[in-house]
């Protein structure tokens, strides 16, 4: 199963110059946006510009995605059709304003049709549903399980904050329950760990760091960003620290030795109790750093 990227850089679909810069950035994933970053009057132009830019790109980020407009909008059909020439370039389609499994399944049907017409392996283009309404949050597990194409979920704090009439903060305490429901929903559905939405205040390094650390503590695998300047902080916070890697190596080595001697519960010299769940967490961390046994 594909893993979630640690950083997800959004770029307006009607700005080819910014798309090129985003693709050459350090982002682990780039999302070319046809939704909120594009004015209603510029949707057609953005669609054409995005397709042209991605089709001609010579250097691409590890994961390239396109955010289409929501299923229930007048733009969805044209956005879906525009995906045809991009199927070989896209890792996933980011679907906004998902309120239930039917939204994901509608996009799945379109992708199946396009893949069939292009003789492309079915299911090769993944879907990242965005849950950003109360209804979507409460359906997180069902949405994540709606299609085998679902890579993970993306949490949208801006629209949810608007719906709930609250002001989002860097610490995110006001949305902690909603974020946790997204993390639990993704885990229950067996998809990759979810992605947190962006911190919307630029030039606030302290706030960005606080927001990113909080997201990691809650179980998110990465975070969306709206400007390349936010990438270093997000990447650093989500990258395991040297201390974490050292701990994981100690746990892995000690537990490997214990298993070889018929034991599955041990204590480290500092008193830490280690059993299978702890050892599996350590080994998963090593896997993300390329430091597997």
Protein backbone atom coordinates (compact mmCIF):
# COMPACT_ATOMS: atom_id res chain seq x y z
CA UNK A 1 0.00 0.00 0.00
CA UNK A 2 1.22 3.49 -0.85
CA UNK A 3 2.15 5.64 2.13
CA UNK A 4 0.87 9.15 2.68
CA UNK A 5 3.24 11.99 1.78
CA UNK A 6 4.58 14.12 4.61
CA UNK A 7 4.05 17.35 2.68
CA UNK A 8 1.31 18.18 0.19
CA UNK A 9 1.85 21.46 -1.68
CA UNK A 10 -1.25 23.02 -3.25
CA UNK A 11 -0.84 25.25 -6.31
CA UNK A 12 -3.50 27.08 -8.39
CA UNK A 13 -4.34 25.34 -11.63
CA UNK A 14 -4.48 28.61 -13.56
CA UNK A 15 -0.87 29.54 -12.73
CA UNK A 16 1.47 27.49 -14.97
CA UNK A 17 4.47 29.38 -13.60
CA UNK A 18 3.67 28.30 -10.06
CA UNK A 19 2.90 24.75 -11.15
CA UNK A 20 6.41 24.44 -12.61
CA UNK A 21 7.96 25.79 -9.41
CA UNK A 22 5.86 23.48 -7.25
CA UNK A 23 6.88 20.43 -9.28
CA UNK A 24 10.53 21.38 -8.78
CA UNK A 25 10.11 21.97 -5.04
CA UNK A 26 10.95 19.68 -2.14
CA UNK A 27 7.30 18.73 -1.63
CA UNK A 28 6.63 15.00 -1.43
CA UNK A 29 3.35 15.60 -3.25
CA UNK A 30 2.02 18.46 -5.37
CA UNK A 31 -1.71 19.12 -5.82
CA UNK A 32 -2.72 21.20 -8.82
CA UNK A 33 -5.93 22.82 -7.64
CA UNK A 34 -9.04 23.42 -9.76
CA UNK A 35 -11.26 24.12 -6.77
CA UNK A 36 -10.86 26.82 -4.09
CA UNK A 37 -7.67 28.33 -5.52
CA UNK A 38 -9.46 29.18 -8.79
CA UNK A 39 -12.17 31.81 -9.27
CA UNK A 40 -15.51 30.65 -10.68
CA UNK A 41 -14.90 32.71 -13.81
CA UNK A 42 -11.52 31.05 -14.41
CA UNK A 43 -12.46 27.37 -14.08
CA UNK A 44 -12.27 26.56 -17.79
CA UNK A 45 -8.95 28.34 -18.19
CA UNK A 46 -7.52 26.63 -15.11
CA UNK A 47 -8.57 23.21 -16.36
CA UNK A 48 -6.83 23.76 -19.70
CA UNK A 49 -3.73 25.27 -18.10
CA UNK A 50 -3.41 22.46 -15.57
CA UNK A 51 -3.70 19.73 -18.19
CA UNK A 52 -1.17 21.45 -20.43
CA UNK A 53 1.31 22.07 -17.61
CA UNK A 54 1.19 18.52 -16.27
CA UNK A 55 1.28 16.95 -19.74
CA UNK A 56 4.44 18.90 -20.62
CA UNK A 57 6.18 18.65 -17.26
CA UNK A 58 9.69 17.22 -17.50
CA UNK A 59 10.32 17.07 -13.76
CA UNK A 60 7.62 15.99 -11.36
CA UNK A 61 7.37 15.56 -7.61
CA UNK A 62 7.26 12.02 -6.24
CA UNK A 63 3.45 12.24 -6.19
CA UNK A 64 1.41 14.53 -8.46
CA UNK A 65 -2.29 15.00 -7.78
CA UNK A 66 -5.13 17.09 -9.16
CA UNK A 67 -7.90 18.53 -7.00
CA UNK A 68 -11.12 18.58 -8.99
CA UNK A 69 -14.32 20.34 -7.98
CA UNK A 70 -16.86 18.58 -5.78
CA UNK A 71 -19.16 15.94 -7.23
CA UNK A 72 -22.23 18.08 -6.65
CA UNK A 73 -20.91 21.11 -8.56
CA UNK A 74 -21.47 22.05 -12.18
CA UNK A 75 -17.71 21.72 -12.80
CA UNK A 76 -17.27 18.09 -11.83
CA UNK A 77 -18.15 16.52 -15.18
CA UNK A 78 -15.71 18.72 -17.11
CA UNK A 79 -13.01 18.17 -14.50
CA UNK A 80 -13.46 14.40 -14.71
CA UNK A 81 -13.23 14.46 -18.50
CA UNK A 82 -10.05 16.56 -18.30
CA UNK A 83 -8.37 13.75 -16.36
CA UNK A 84 -8.14 11.57 -19.49
CA UNK A 85 -4.77 12.84 -20.81
CA UNK A 86 -3.33 12.97 -17.28
CA UNK A 87 -3.94 9.43 -16.11
CA UNK A 88 -0.33 8.47 -16.68
CA UNK A 89 0.89 11.54 -14.79
CA UNK A 90 -1.32 11.51 -11.70
CA UNK A 91 -0.85 9.49 -8.54
CA UNK A 92 -4.25 10.54 -7.22
CA UNK A 93 -7.23 12.84 -7.54
CA UNK A 94 -8.10 14.93 -4.49
CA UNK A 95 -11.88 15.08 -4.14
CA UNK A 96 -13.24 17.98 -2.04
CA UNK A 97 -16.37 18.32 0.07
CA UNK A 98 -16.98 14.58 0.40
CA UNK A 99 -19.99 13.93 2.61
CA UNK A 100 -20.45 10.20 2.05
CA UNK A 101 -19.30 7.12 0.13
CA UNK A 102 -21.43 7.99 -2.91
CA UNK A 103 -19.17 10.95 -3.72
CA UNK A 104 -16.10 8.73 -3.84
CA UNK A 105 -17.93 6.12 -5.87
CA UNK A 106 -19.01 8.73 -8.43
CA UNK A 107 -15.38 9.65 -9.09
CA UNK A 108 -14.42 5.96 -9.09
CA UNK A 109 -16.92 5.34 -11.90
CA UNK A 110 -15.45 8.17 -13.98
CA UNK A 111 -11.89 6.92 -13.45
CA UNK A 112 -12.89 3.37 -14.41
CA UNK A 113 -14.43 4.68 -17.62
CA UNK A 114 -11.37 6.73 -18.51
CA UNK A 115 -8.92 3.95 -17.68
CA UNK A 116 -10.91 1.52 -19.77
CA UNK A 117 -10.93 3.84 -22.76
CA UNK A 118 -7.17 4.36 -22.46
CA UNK A 119 -6.36 0.68 -21.77
CA UNK A 120 -4.77 1.68 -18.47
CA UNK A 121 -4.63 -0.73 -15.55
CA UNK A 122 -7.88 -0.32 -13.58
CA UNK A 123 -7.44 1.35 -10.23
CA UNK A 124 -4.03 2.85 -10.99
CA UNK A 125 -5.20 6.38 -10.16
CA UNK A 126 -5.95 6.75 -6.45
CA UNK A 127 -8.46 9.01 -4.69
CA UNK A 128 -7.86 11.25 -1.68
CA UNK A 129 -11.29 12.27 -0.32
CA UNK A 130 -11.37 15.51 1.66
CA UNK A 131 -13.61 15.46 4.73
CA UNK A 132 -14.35 19.07 5.63
CA UNK A 133 -17.96 19.14 6.80
CA UNK A 134 -19.67 17.75 9.88
CA UNK A 135 -21.38 15.12 7.72
CA UNK A 136 -18.09 14.11 6.11
CA UNK A 137 -16.27 13.83 9.44
CA UNK A 138 -18.96 11.58 10.88
CA UNK A 139 -18.77 9.38 7.76
CA UNK A 140 -14.96 9.22 7.72
CA UNK A 141 -14.69 5.45 8.01
CA UNK A 142 -17.33 4.77 5.34
CA UNK A 143 -15.72 7.31 3.02
CA UNK A 144 -12.27 5.79 3.45
CA UNK A 145 -13.72 2.34 2.71
CA UNK A 146 -15.84 3.48 -0.24
CA UNK A 147 -13.38 2.32 -2.90
CA UNK A 148 -10.10 0.40 -3.15
CA UNK A 149 -8.77 3.52 -4.86
CA UNK A 150 -8.81 5.52 -1.62
CA UNK A 151 -5.22 6.23 -0.61
CA UNK A 152 -6.06 8.18 2.53
CA UNK A 153 -8.22 11.02 3.83
CA UNK A 154 -7.45 14.74 3.86
CA UNK A 155 -8.87 16.80 6.73
CA UNK A 156 -10.22 20.20 5.71
CA UNK A 157 -10.19 22.62 8.63
CA UNK A 158 -11.22 25.82 6.82
CA UNK A 159 -14.65 24.71 5.59
CA UNK A 160 -15.39 22.84 8.81
CA UNK A 161 -14.46 25.89 10.89
CA UNK A 162 -16.78 28.00 8.76
CA UNK A 163 -19.63 25.53 9.18
CA UNK A 164 -19.13 25.39 12.94
CA UNK A 165 -18.71 29.16 13.25
CA UNK A 166 -15.39 28.96 15.05
CA UNK A 167 -11.96 30.44 14.57
CA UNK A 168 -9.20 27.89 13.93
CA UNK A 169 -6.09 28.25 16.09
CA UNK A 170 -2.55 26.97 15.77
CA UNK A 171 -3.03 24.46 18.59
CA UNK A 172 -6.23 23.21 16.99
CA UNK A 173 -7.92 22.30 20.27
CA UNK A 174 -11.27 23.45 18.88
CA UNK A 175 -11.09 20.77 16.14
CA UNK A 176 -9.25 18.03 18.05
CA UNK A 177 -12.29 15.74 18.15
CA UNK A 178 -12.93 16.12 14.44
CA UNK A 179 -9.28 15.43 13.60
CA UNK A 180 -9.24 12.35 15.80
CA UNK A 181 -12.36 11.00 14.10
CA UNK A 182 -10.58 11.31 10.74
CA UNK A 183 -7.52 9.47 12.07
CA UNK A 184 -9.70 6.73 13.55
CA UNK A 185 -11.79 6.46 10.39
CA UNK A 186 -8.75 5.99 8.18
CA UNK A 187 -7.29 3.38 10.52
CA UNK A 188 -10.57 1.48 10.77
CA UNK A 189 -10.85 1.37 6.97
CA UNK A 190 -7.28 0.14 6.60
CA UNK A 191 -6.03 3.00 4.41
CA UNK A 192 -2.85 5.02 4.87
CA UNK A 193 -2.68 7.49 7.75
CA UNK A 194 -4.49 10.74 6.88
CA UNK A 195 -3.24 14.19 5.97
CA UNK A 196 -3.97 17.34 7.94
CA UNK A 197 -5.17 20.50 6.24
CA UNK A 198 -2.95 23.56 5.83
CA UNK A 199 -2.07 26.21 8.38
CA UNK A 200 -3.53 29.28 6.69
CA UNK A 201 -1.42 32.02 8.29
CA UNK A 202 1.69 32.74 6.26
CA UNK A 203 4.83 34.21 7.86
CA UNK A 204 3.94 32.65 11.21
CA UNK A 205 6.64 30.07 11.77
CA UNK A 206 5.71 29.50 15.42
CA UNK A 207 2.07 28.89 14.60
CA UNK A 208 2.96 26.58 11.72
CA UNK A 209 5.24 24.51 13.93
CA UNK A 210 2.60 24.28 16.66
CA UNK A 211 -0.08 23.25 14.18
CA UNK A 212 2.16 20.67 12.53
CA UNK A 213 3.33 19.11 15.80
CA UNK A 214 -0.25 18.86 17.01
CA UNK A 215 -1.27 17.10 13.79
CA UNK A 216 1.53 14.57 14.18
CA UNK A 217 0.62 13.96 17.82
CA UNK A 218 -2.94 13.15 16.77
CA UNK A 219 -1.78 10.54 14.27
CA UNK A 220 -1.63 12.35 10.93
CA UNK A 221 1.09 11.27 8.50
CA UNK A 222 1.57 14.64 6.83
CA UNK A 223 0.16 18.08 6.23
CA UNK A 224 -0.97 20.22 3.33
CA UNK A 225 0.83 23.51 2.70
CA UNK A 226 -0.20 26.56 0.70
CA UNK A 227 3.25 28.07 0.13
CA UNK A 228 6.68 26.51 -0.53
CA UNK A 229 8.08 28.45 2.44
CA UNK A 230 6.06 26.18 4.73
CA UNK A 231 7.66 23.00 3.38
CA UNK A 232 10.84 22.89 5.51
CA UNK A 233 8.94 23.09 8.80
CA UNK A 234 6.30 20.53 7.84
CA UNK A 235 8.89 18.10 6.48
CA UNK A 236 11.11 18.45 9.55
CA UNK A 237 8.32 17.94 12.07
CA UNK A 238 6.96 14.84 10.34
CA UNK A 239 10.41 13.32 9.81
CA UNK A 240 11.35 11.02 12.72
CA UNK A 241 13.98 12.65 14.94
CA UNK A 242 17.37 11.10 15.64
CA UNK A 243 16.17 10.20 19.15
CA UNK A 244 13.08 8.47 17.77
CA UNK A 245 15.13 6.47 15.28
CA UNK A 246 17.63 5.49 17.99
CA UNK A 247 14.75 4.35 20.23
CA UNK A 248 13.24 2.32 17.38
CA UNK A 249 16.56 0.62 16.65
CA UNK A 250 17.05 -0.24 20.32
CA UNK A 251 13.55 -1.66 20.58
CA UNK A 252 13.90 -3.62 17.36
CA UNK A 253 17.26 -5.13 18.32
CA UNK A 254 16.13 -6.05 21.84
CA UNK A 255 12.86 -7.54 20.70
CA UNK A 256 14.49 -9.48 17.86
CA UNK A 257 16.84 -11.06 20.39
CA UNK A 258 13.93 -11.77 22.75
CA UNK A 259 11.89 -13.43 20.00
CA UNK A 260 14.84 -15.65 19.10
CA UNK A 261 14.86 -16.80 22.73
CA UNK A 262 11.15 -17.46 22.93
CA UNK A 263 10.08 -14.27 24.70
CA UNK A 264 7.56 -11.67 23.53
CA UNK A 265 7.56 -9.26 26.49
CA UNK A 266 10.71 -7.56 27.74
CA UNK A 267 11.98 -4.47 29.53
CA UNK A 268 14.60 -2.11 28.22
CA UNK A 269 17.36 -0.96 30.61
CA UNK A 270 15.42 2.27 31.23
CA UNK A 271 12.38 0.25 32.37
CA UNK A 272 10.31 0.64 29.18
CA UNK A 273 8.02 -2.37 28.67
CA UNK A 274 8.14 -3.81 25.15
CA UNK A 275 5.66 -6.25 23.62
CA UNK A 276 4.45 -6.89 20.07
CA UNK A 277 2.47 -3.62 19.58
CA UNK A 278 5.44 -1.52 20.73
CA UNK A 279 7.89 -3.52 18.62
CA UNK A 280 5.64 -3.20 15.57
CA UNK A 281 5.45 0.57 16.05
CA UNK A 282 9.25 0.77 16.24
CA UNK A 283 9.66 -1.33 13.12
CA UNK A 284 7.10 0.78 11.25
CA UNK A 285 9.05 3.91 12.15
CA UNK A 286 12.28 2.32 10.88
CA UNK A 287 10.51 1.39 7.66
CA UNK A 288 9.56 5.00 7.00
CA UNK A 289 13.20 6.04 7.33
CA UNK A 290 14.57 3.22 5.22
CA UNK A 291 16.17 1.80 8.33
CA UNK A 292 14.46 -1.57 8.35
CA UNK A 293 16.19 -4.55 9.89
